[in-house]
Amino acid sequence: MGQALVTGARRGIGKAIALALGSAGFDVAVADVEAGEDLQAVAKELKGMGRKAAAIKADIGDLGSHARVLDEAEAAIGPLTTLVNNAGVSVMSRGDLLDVTTESYDRCQSVNARGTFFLTQAFAKRLLKVKSTDHRSIITITSANATAVSIARGEYCMSKAAASMMSKLFASRLSDEGIGVYEIQPGFIETDMTAPSKAKYDALIDNGLTVVKRFGQPAEVGRIALTLASGLLPYTVGQPIQVDGGLLTVRY
């Protein structure tokens, strides 16, 4: 199928995407800022499927590390065909928009927007140097907050909106090169990141916040990422796929 690098892959959505790709025949390098037992366990599970796999320490906010991360991934599993930009950070603390700190704002921008942009750029340059008959793709996991306002997490919303525009830009730039660029906008997905606010949103979901009255599961996002990485969404250019149970569906 191909060789994929998935960032932010030690748990949650990133882990689910890595396993979905592996189950379909992709060799997968999993990367995370924390390269401990959890990340090693994901790589081990992939190898148990008969796939080539590697666990790589990666802080995508560190632009100087991008070449090393890509080099390590290719040394372990072969020339990359697929990049999944899943790594991201949330706000340092929720609160009034008027109290957002420069530290929290810069952290979100550094990882979610700036780091993601330049890793994508570095990956795209590599793809353009090699001819391939495999479907080649870049998939960026943004958020429903790329569109929906959450004033308690304003800096996060802004960074994900930037990542969403990034996906459209690269989709337009790389379309003639035969490289598919896609965006997934998850809504409420049951992960460690959403656990602290799950009770609050469970009540809102029960009262109609989403059309499908439950949290989504990481494996559901994984299936969609696999669909995109497999080239099964032809004649599309950067459209966001909203995996949100109808959260962003306009209703009246």
C-alpha atoms as a PDB file:
ATOM      1  CA  MET A   1       0.000   0.000   0.000  1.00  0.00           C
ATOM      2  CA  GLY A   2       2.722   2.478   0.942  1.00  0.00           C
ATOM      3  CA  GLN A   3       4.864   3.860   3.752  1.00  0.00           C
ATOM      4  CA  ALA A   4       3.387   6.356   6.204  1.00  0.00           C
ATOM      5  CA  LEU A   5       4.640   8.685   8.903  1.00  0.00           C
ATOM      6  CA  VAL A   6       2.036   9.482  11.555  1.00  0.00           C
ATOM      7  CA  THR A   7       2.819  12.214  14.083  1.00  0.00           C
ATOM      8  CA  GLY A   8       1.311  12.366  17.558  1.00  0.00           C
ATOM      9  CA  ALA A   9       0.815   8.606  17.366  1.00  0.00           C
ATOM     10  CA  ARG A  10       1.337   7.262  20.871  1.00  0.00           C
ATOM     11  CA  ARG A  11      -2.349   7.408  21.795  1.00  0.00           C
ATOM     12  CA  GLY A  12      -5.805   8.580  20.737  1.00  0.00           C
ATOM     13  CA  ILE A  13      -6.499   9.544  17.141  1.00  0.00           C
ATOM     14  CA  GLY A  14      -2.881   9.225  16.002  1.00  0.00           C
ATOM     15  CA  LYS A  15      -2.567   5.702  17.337  1.00  0.00           C
ATOM     16  CA  ALA A  16      -5.876   4.692  15.752  1.00  0.00           C
ATOM     17  CA  ILE A  17      -4.790   6.070  12.371  1.00  0.00           C
ATOM     18  CA  ALA A  18      -1.450   4.258  12.552  1.00  0.00           C
ATOM     19  CA  LEU A  19      -3.151   0.951  13.338  1.00  0.00           C
ATOM     20  CA  ALA A  20      -5.762   1.428  10.621  1.00  0.00           C
ATOM     21  CA  LEU A  21      -3.027   2.048   8.068  1.00  0.00           C
ATOM     22  CA  GLY A  22      -1.034  -0.936   9.294  1.00  0.00           C
ATOM     23  CA  SER A  23      -4.032  -3.244   9.144  1.00  0.00           C
ATOM     24  CA  ALA A  24      -4.503  -2.341   5.478  1.00  0.00           C
ATOM     25  CA  GLY A  25      -0.908  -3.033   4.492  1.00  0.00           C
ATOM     26  CA  PHE A  26       0.940   0.223   5.097  1.00  0.00           C
ATOM     27  CA  ASP A  27       4.334   0.201   6.774  1.00  0.00           C
ATOM     28  CA  VAL A  28       4.182   2.880   9.434  1.00  0.00           C
ATOM     29  CA  ALA A  29       6.620   5.074  11.331  1.00  0.00           C
ATOM     30  CA  VAL A  30       4.972   6.486  14.440  1.00  0.00           C
ATOM     31  CA  ALA A  31       6.321   9.707  15.915  1.00  0.00           C
ATOM     32  CA  ASP A  32       5.598  11.565  19.119  1.00  0.00           C
ATOM     33  CA  VAL A  33       7.152  14.133  21.409  1.00  0.00           C
ATOM     34  CA  GLU A  34       7.118  11.401  24.066  1.00  0.00           C
ATOM     35  CA  ALA A  35       8.898   8.330  22.699  1.00  0.00           C
ATOM     36  CA  GLY A  36       8.391   6.070  25.694  1.00  0.00           C
ATOM     37  CA  GLU A  37       6.611   2.788  26.289  1.00  0.00           C
ATOM     38  CA  ASP A  38       3.294   3.913  24.794  1.00  0.00           C
ATOM     39  CA  LEU A  39       4.833   4.797  21.440  1.00  0.00           C
ATOM     40  CA  GLN A  40       6.998   1.683  21.437  1.00  0.00           C
ATOM     41  CA  ALA A  41       3.847  -0.375  22.077  1.00  0.00           C
ATOM     42  CA  VAL A  42       2.182   1.078  18.963  1.00  0.00           C
ATOM     43  CA  ALA A  43       5.213   0.157  16.855  1.00  0.00           C
ATOM     44  CA  LYS A  44       5.224  -3.315  18.365  1.00  0.00           C
ATOM     45  CA  GLU A  45       1.552  -3.785  17.522  1.00  0.00           C
ATOM     46  CA  LEU A  46       2.236  -2.745  13.931  1.00  0.00           C
ATOM     47  CA  LYS A  47       5.100  -5.225  13.678  1.00  0.00           C
ATOM     48  CA  GLY A  48       2.736  -7.878  15.005  1.00  0.00           C
ATOM     49  CA  MET A  49       0.628  -7.266  11.907  1.00  0.00           C
ATOM     50  CA  GLY A  50       3.645  -8.102   9.774  1.00  0.00           C
ATOM     51  CA  ARG A  51       4.375  -4.486   8.961  1.00  0.00           C
ATOM     52  CA  LYS A  52       7.634  -2.582   9.048  1.00  0.00           C
ATOM     53  CA  ALA A  53       7.402  -0.050  11.858  1.00  0.00           C
ATOM     54  CA  ALA A  54       9.496   2.392  13.856  1.00  0.00           C
ATOM     55  CA  ALA A  55       8.973   4.624  16.880  1.00  0.00           C
ATOM     56  CA  ILE A  56      10.557   8.064  16.492  1.00  0.00           C
ATOM     57  CA  LYS A  57      10.926  10.899  18.968  1.00  0.00           C
ATOM     58  CA  ALA A  58       9.665  14.050  17.287  1.00  0.00           C
ATOM     59  CA  ASP A  59       8.768  17.547  18.436  1.00  0.00           C
ATOM     60  CA  ILE A  60       7.308  19.044  15.286  1.00  0.00           C
ATOM     61  CA  GLY A  61       7.542  22.489  16.835  1.00  0.00           C
ATOM     62  CA  ASP A  62      11.320  22.103  16.451  1.00  0.00           C
ATOM     63  CA  LEU A  63      11.771  22.888  12.777  1.00  0.00           C
ATOM     64  CA  GLY A  64      15.396  21.858  12.838  1.00  0.00           C
ATOM     65  CA  SER A  65      14.409  18.276  13.658  1.00  0.00           C
ATOM     66  CA  HIS A  66      12.158  17.704  10.648  1.00  0.00           C
ATOM     67  CA  ALA A  67      14.840  16.381   8.308  1.00  0.00           C
ATOM     68  CA  ARG A  68      16.067  13.974  10.972  1.00  0.00           C
ATOM     69  CA  VAL A  69      12.541  12.655  11.623  1.00  0.00           C
ATOM     70  CA  LEU A  70      11.904  12.075   7.918  1.00  0.00           C
ATOM     71  CA  ASP A  71      15.318  10.460   7.502  1.00  0.00           C
ATOM     72  CA  GLU A  72      14.720   8.079  10.417  1.00  0.00           C
ATOM     73  CA  ALA A  73      11.309   7.124   9.099  1.00  0.00           C
ATOM     74  CA  GLU A  74      12.604   6.362   5.612  1.00  0.00           C
ATOM     75  CA  ALA A  75      15.601   4.440   6.932  1.00  0.00           C
ATOM     76  CA  ALA A  76      13.248   2.204   8.901  1.00  0.00           C
ATOM     77  CA  ILE A  77      10.337   1.603   6.524  1.00  0.00           C
ATOM     78  CA  GLY A  78      11.385   2.876   3.094  1.00  0.00           C
ATOM     79  CA  PRO A  79      10.536   5.929   0.955  1.00  0.00           C
ATOM     80  CA  LEU A  80       7.503   7.644   2.449  1.00  0.00           C
ATOM     81  CA  THR A  81       4.297   7.943   0.466  1.00  0.00           C
ATOM     82  CA  THR A  82       2.043   9.302   3.194  1.00  0.00           C
ATOM     83  CA  LEU A  83       2.254  11.944   5.920  1.00  0.00           C
ATOM     84  CA  VAL A  84      -0.414  12.191   8.595  1.00  0.00           C
ATOM     85  CA  ASN A  85      -0.147  15.463  10.508  1.00  0.00           C
ATOM     86  CA  ASN A  86      -1.864  14.528  13.736  1.00  0.00           C
ATOM     87  CA  ALA A  87       0.446  15.967  16.405  1.00  0.00           C
ATOM     88  CA  GLY A  88      -0.980  18.980  18.173  1.00  0.00           C
ATOM     89  CA  VAL A  89      -1.379  20.748  21.476  1.00  0.00           C
ATOM     90  CA  SER A  90      -4.299  22.349  23.246  1.00  0.00           C
ATOM     91  CA  VAL A  91      -4.382  25.537  25.297  1.00  0.00           C
ATOM     92  CA  MET A  92      -2.341  25.824  28.461  1.00  0.00           C
ATOM     93  CA  SER A  93      -5.552  26.665  30.329  1.00  0.00           C
ATOM     94  CA  ARG A  94      -9.140  27.343  29.336  1.00  0.00           C
ATOM     95  CA  GLY A  95     -10.515  30.742  30.223  1.00  0.00           C
ATOM     96  CA  ASP A  96     -11.614  34.179  29.107  1.00  0.00           C
ATOM     97  CA  LEU A  97     -10.405  35.187  25.656  1.00  0.00           C
ATOM     98  CA  LEU A  98      -9.261  38.444  27.235  1.00  0.00           C
ATOM     99  CA  ASP A  99      -6.852  36.504  29.452  1.00  0.00           C
ATOM    100  CA  VAL A 100      -5.066  34.470  26.735  1.00  0.00           C
ATOM    101  CA  THR A 101      -1.333  34.603  27.325  1.00  0.00           C
ATOM    102  CA  THR A 102       1.341  35.009  24.689  1.00  0.00           C
ATOM    103  CA  GLU A 103       2.888  31.757  25.945  1.00  0.00           C
ATOM    104  CA  SER A 104      -0.264  29.724  25.280  1.00  0.00           C
ATOM    105  CA  TYR A 105      -0.903  31.472  21.962  1.00  0.00           C
ATOM    106  CA  ASP A 106       2.644  30.926  20.728  1.00  0.00           C
ATOM    107  CA  ARG A 107       2.630  27.273  21.841  1.00  0.00           C
ATOM    108  CA  CYS A 108      -0.490  26.499  19.798  1.00  0.00           C
ATOM    109  CA  GLN A 109       0.835  28.323  16.766  1.00  0.00           C
ATOM    110  CA  SER A 110       4.301  26.753  17.046  1.00  0.00           C
ATOM    111  CA  VAL A 111       3.026  23.182  16.930  1.00  0.00           C
ATOM    112  CA  ASN A 112      -0.410  23.221  15.333  1.00  0.00           C
ATOM    113  CA  ALA A 113       0.307  25.737  12.585  1.00  0.00           C
ATOM    114  CA  ARG A 114       3.998  26.566  12.113  1.00  0.00           C
ATOM    115  CA  GLY A 115       5.435  23.123  12.824  1.00  0.00           C
ATOM    116  CA  THR A 116       2.769  21.385  10.768  1.00  0.00           C
ATOM    117  CA  PHE A 117       3.300  23.740   7.836  1.00  0.00           C
ATOM    118  CA  PHE A 118       7.047  23.262   7.648  1.00  0.00           C
ATOM    119  CA  LEU A 119       6.946  19.498   8.170  1.00  0.00           C
ATOM    120  CA  THR A 120       4.452  19.312   5.312  1.00  0.00           C
ATOM    121  CA  GLN A 121       6.698  21.495   3.181  1.00  0.00           C
ATOM    122  CA  ALA A 122       9.737  19.297   3.870  1.00  0.00           C
ATOM    123  CA  PHE A 123       7.761  16.138   3.127  1.00  0.00           C
ATOM    124  CA  ALA A 124       6.328  17.555  -0.107  1.00  0.00           C
ATOM    125  CA  LYS A 125       9.798  18.471  -1.360  1.00  0.00           C
ATOM    126  CA  ARG A 126      10.916  14.879  -0.825  1.00  0.00           C
ATOM    127  CA  LEU A 127       7.940  13.506  -2.713  1.00  0.00           C
ATOM    128  CA  LEU A 128       8.658  15.744  -5.677  1.00  0.00           C
ATOM    129  CA  LYS A 129      12.161  14.308  -6.007  1.00  0.00           C
ATOM    130  CA  VAL A 130      10.913  10.741  -6.508  1.00  0.00           C
ATOM    131  CA  LYS A 131       8.545   9.370  -9.126  1.00  0.00           C
ATOM    132  CA  SER A 132       6.078   6.826  -7.779  1.00  0.00           C
ATOM    133  CA  THR A 133       3.092   4.852  -8.976  1.00  0.00           C
ATOM    134  CA  ASP A 134       1.732   4.636  -5.410  1.00  0.00           C
ATOM    135  CA  HIS A 135      -0.961   7.027  -4.241  1.00  0.00           C
ATOM    136  CA  ARG A 136       0.845   9.746  -2.329  1.00  0.00           C
ATOM    137  CA  SER A 137      -0.938  11.830   0.245  1.00  0.00           C
ATOM    138  CA  ILE A 138      -0.780  14.375   3.024  1.00  0.00           C
ATOM    139  CA  ILE A 139      -3.523  14.196   5.634  1.00  0.00           C
ATOM    140  CA  THR A 140      -3.856  16.876   8.302  1.00  0.00           C
ATOM    141  CA  ILE A 141      -5.994  16.395  11.392  1.00  0.00           C
ATOM    142  CA  THR A 142      -7.372  19.783  12.350  1.00  0.00           C
ATOM    143  CA  SER A 143     -10.529  20.186  14.436  1.00  0.00           C
ATOM    144  CA  ALA A 144     -14.135  21.263  14.316  1.00  0.00           C
ATOM    145  CA  ASN A 145     -12.700  24.355  16.008  1.00  0.00           C
ATOM    146  CA  ALA A 146     -11.122  25.316  12.699  1.00  0.00           C
ATOM    147  CA  THR A 147     -14.685  26.468  12.007  1.00  0.00           C
ATOM    148  CA  ALA A 148     -16.618  26.475  15.273  1.00  0.00           C
ATOM    149  CA  VAL A 149     -15.863  29.181  17.840  1.00  0.00           C
ATOM    150  CA  SER A 150     -14.777  28.153  21.333  1.00  0.00           C
ATOM    151  CA  ILE A 151     -13.970  31.380  23.164  1.00  0.00           C
ATOM    152  CA  ALA A 152     -12.440  29.492  26.093  1.00  0.00           C
ATOM    153  CA  ARG A 153      -9.810  28.128  23.680  1.00  0.00           C
ATOM    154  CA  GLY A 154      -9.336  30.990  21.261  1.00  0.00           C
ATOM    155  CA  GLU A 155      -5.662  30.418  20.556  1.00  0.00           C
ATOM    156  CA  TYR A 156      -6.334  26.748  19.740  1.00  0.00           C
ATOM    157  CA  CYS A 157      -9.137  27.720  17.331  1.00  0.00           C
ATOM    158  CA  MET A 158      -6.853  30.154  15.530  1.00  0.00           C
ATOM    159  CA  SER A 159      -4.068  27.609  15.143  1.00  0.00           C
ATOM    160  CA  LYS A 160      -6.425  24.968  13.749  1.00  0.00           C
ATOM    161  CA  ALA A 161      -7.964  27.479  11.340  1.00  0.00           C
ATOM    162  CA  ALA A 162      -4.441  28.170  10.090  1.00  0.00           C
ATOM    163  CA  ALA A 163      -3.795  24.434   9.644  1.00  0.00           C
ATOM    164  CA  SER A 164      -7.040  24.137   7.705  1.00  0.00           C
ATOM    165  CA  MET A 165      -5.968  26.866   5.291  1.00  0.00           C
ATOM    166  CA  MET A 166      -2.557  25.194   5.029  1.00  0.00           C
ATOM    167  CA  SER A 167      -4.229  22.029   3.775  1.00  0.00           C
ATOM    168  CA  LYS A 168      -6.077  23.935   1.045  1.00  0.00           C
ATOM    169  CA  LEU A 169      -2.886  25.685   0.003  1.00  0.00           C
ATOM    170  CA  PHE A 170      -0.845  22.500  -0.307  1.00  0.00           C
ATOM    171  CA  ALA A 171      -3.753  20.747  -2.014  1.00  0.00           C
ATOM    172  CA  SER A 172      -3.752  23.447  -4.660  1.00  0.00           C
ATOM    173  CA  ARG A 173       0.033  23.480  -5.026  1.00  0.00           C
ATOM    174  CA  LEU A 174       0.474  19.704  -5.260  1.00  0.00           C
ATOM    175  CA  SER A 175      -2.580  18.621  -7.243  1.00  0.00           C
ATOM    176  CA  ASP A 176      -0.756  18.695 -10.588  1.00  0.00           C
ATOM    177  CA  GLU A 177       1.968  16.531  -9.026  1.00  0.00           C
ATOM    178  CA  GLY A 178      -0.516  13.750  -8.319  1.00  0.00           C
ATOM    179  CA  ILE A 179      -0.314  14.219  -4.548  1.00  0.00           C
ATOM    180  CA  GLY A 180      -3.597  14.155  -2.640  1.00  0.00           C
ATOM    181  CA  VAL A 181      -3.874  16.603   0.251  1.00  0.00           C
ATOM    182  CA  TYR A 182      -6.720  16.149   2.682  1.00  0.00           C
ATOM    183  CA  GLU A 183      -8.056  17.559   5.932  1.00  0.00           C
ATOM    184  CA  ILE A 184     -10.009  15.779   8.649  1.00  0.00           C
ATOM    185  CA  GLN A 185     -11.922  17.920  11.144  1.00  0.00           C
ATOM    186  CA  PRO A 186     -12.793  15.766  14.163  1.00  0.00           C
ATOM    187  CA  GLY A 187     -15.529  16.833  16.523  1.00  0.00           C
ATOM    188  CA  PHE A 188     -15.965  15.240  19.943  1.00  0.00           C
ATOM    189  CA  ILE A 189     -13.740  12.153  19.857  1.00  0.00           C
ATOM    190  CA  GLU A 190     -13.273  10.074  22.998  1.00  0.00           C
ATOM    191  CA  THR A 191      -9.570  10.485  23.832  1.00  0.00           C
ATOM    192  CA  ASP A 192      -7.370  11.422  26.764  1.00  0.00           C
ATOM    193  CA  MET A 193      -7.444  15.018  25.523  1.00  0.00           C
ATOM    194  CA  THR A 194     -11.245  15.242  25.684  1.00  0.00           C
ATOM    195  CA  ALA A 195     -11.606  13.238  28.919  1.00  0.00           C
ATOM    196  CA  PRO A 196     -11.598  16.262  31.293  1.00  0.00           C
ATOM    197  CA  SER A 197     -14.627  17.818  29.562  1.00  0.00           C
ATOM    198  CA  LYS A 198     -16.464  14.639  28.546  1.00  0.00           C
ATOM    199  CA  ALA A 199     -19.167  14.826  31.230  1.00  0.00           C
ATOM    200  CA  LYS A 200     -19.996  18.397  30.233  1.00  0.00           C
ATOM    201  CA  TYR A 201     -20.288  17.540  26.549  1.00  0.00           C
ATOM    202  CA  ASP A 202     -22.110  14.266  27.155  1.00  0.00           C
ATOM    203  CA  ALA A 203     -24.952  16.334  28.624  1.00  0.00           C
ATOM    204  CA  LEU A 204     -24.917  18.779  25.727  1.00  0.00           C
ATOM    205  CA  ILE A 205     -24.840  15.923  23.206  1.00  0.00           C
ATOM    206  CA  ASP A 206     -27.813  14.293  24.905  1.00  0.00           C
ATOM    207  CA  ASN A 207     -29.656  17.593  24.456  1.00  0.00           C
ATOM    208  CA  GLY A 208     -28.979  17.744  20.725  1.00  0.00           C
ATOM    209  CA  LEU A 209     -25.587  19.411  20.293  1.00  0.00           C
ATOM    210  CA  THR A 210     -24.718  16.753  17.700  1.00  0.00           C
ATOM    211  CA  VAL A 211     -26.947  14.836  15.306  1.00  0.00           C
ATOM    212  CA  VAL A 212     -25.408  11.507  16.313  1.00  0.00           C
ATOM    213  CA  LYS A 213     -25.846  11.489  20.078  1.00  0.00           C
ATOM    214  CA  ARG A 214     -22.497  10.119  21.225  1.00  0.00           C
ATOM    215  CA  PHE A 215     -18.805  10.837  21.191  1.00  0.00           C
ATOM    216  CA  GLY A 216     -16.904   9.575  18.173  1.00  0.00           C
ATOM    217  CA  GLN A 217     -14.209   6.924  18.511  1.00  0.00           C
ATOM    218  CA  PRO A 218     -10.580   7.231  17.387  1.00  0.00           C
ATOM    219  CA  ALA A 219     -10.984   4.124  15.224  1.00  0.00           C
ATOM    220  CA  GLU A 220     -13.677   5.928  13.210  1.00  0.00           C
ATOM    221  CA  VAL A 221     -11.230   8.711  12.391  1.00  0.00           C
ATOM    222  CA  GLY A 222      -8.687   6.010  11.566  1.00  0.00           C
ATOM    223  CA  ARG A 223     -10.972   4.452   8.962  1.00  0.00           C
ATOM    224  CA  ILE A 224     -11.463   7.797   7.266  1.00  0.00           C
ATOM    225  CA  ALA A 225      -7.732   8.519   7.242  1.00  0.00           C
ATOM    226  CA  LEU A 226      -7.159   5.108   5.649  1.00  0.00           C
ATOM    227  CA  THR A 227      -9.734   5.898   2.976  1.00  0.00           C
ATOM    228  CA  LEU A 228      -7.889   9.099   2.114  1.00  0.00           C
ATOM    229  CA  ALA A 229      -4.422   7.534   2.222  1.00  0.00           C
ATOM    230  CA  SER A 230      -5.647   4.784  -0.108  1.00  0.00           C
ATOM    231  CA  GLY A 231      -6.715   7.291  -2.764  1.00  0.00           C
ATOM    232  CA  LEU A 232     -10.398   6.448  -2.447  1.00  0.00           C
ATOM    233  CA  LEU A 233     -11.595  10.052  -2.542  1.00  0.00           C
ATOM    234  CA  PRO A 234     -10.708  11.080  -6.115  1.00  0.00           C
ATOM    235  CA  TYR A 235     -11.341  14.455  -7.741  1.00  0.00           C
ATOM    236  CA  THR A 236     -11.190  16.316  -4.457  1.00  0.00           C
ATOM    237  CA  VAL A 237      -8.873  19.172  -3.562  1.00  0.00           C
ATOM    238  CA  GLY A 238      -8.454  19.994   0.110  1.00  0.00           C
ATOM    239  CA  GLN A 239     -12.074  19.717   1.184  1.00  0.00           C
ATOM    240  CA  PRO A 240     -12.382  19.214   4.940  1.00  0.00           C
ATOM    241  CA  ILE A 241     -13.944  15.917   6.009  1.00  0.00           C
ATOM    242  CA  GLN A 242     -16.029  16.683   9.077  1.00  0.00           C
ATOM    243  CA  VAL A 243     -15.945  13.679  11.404  1.00  0.00           C
ATOM    244  CA  ASP A 244     -18.179  15.272  13.988  1.00  0.00           C
ATOM    245  CA  GLY A 245     -21.477  13.409  14.235  1.00  0.00           C
ATOM    246  CA  GLY A 246     -23.233  16.427  12.739  1.00  0.00           C
ATOM    247  CA  LEU A 247     -21.822  19.005  15.156  1.00  0.00           C
ATOM    248  CA  LEU A 248     -21.235  21.491  12.333  1.00  0.00           C
ATOM    249  CA  THR A 249     -24.412  20.623  10.440  1.00  0.00           C
ATOM    250  CA  VAL A 250     -26.619  23.700  10.154  1.00  0.00           C
ATOM    251  CA  ARG A 251     -30.033  22.966  11.628  1.00  0.00           C
ATOM    252  CA  TYR A 252     -33.131  24.984  12.393  1.00  0.00           C
END
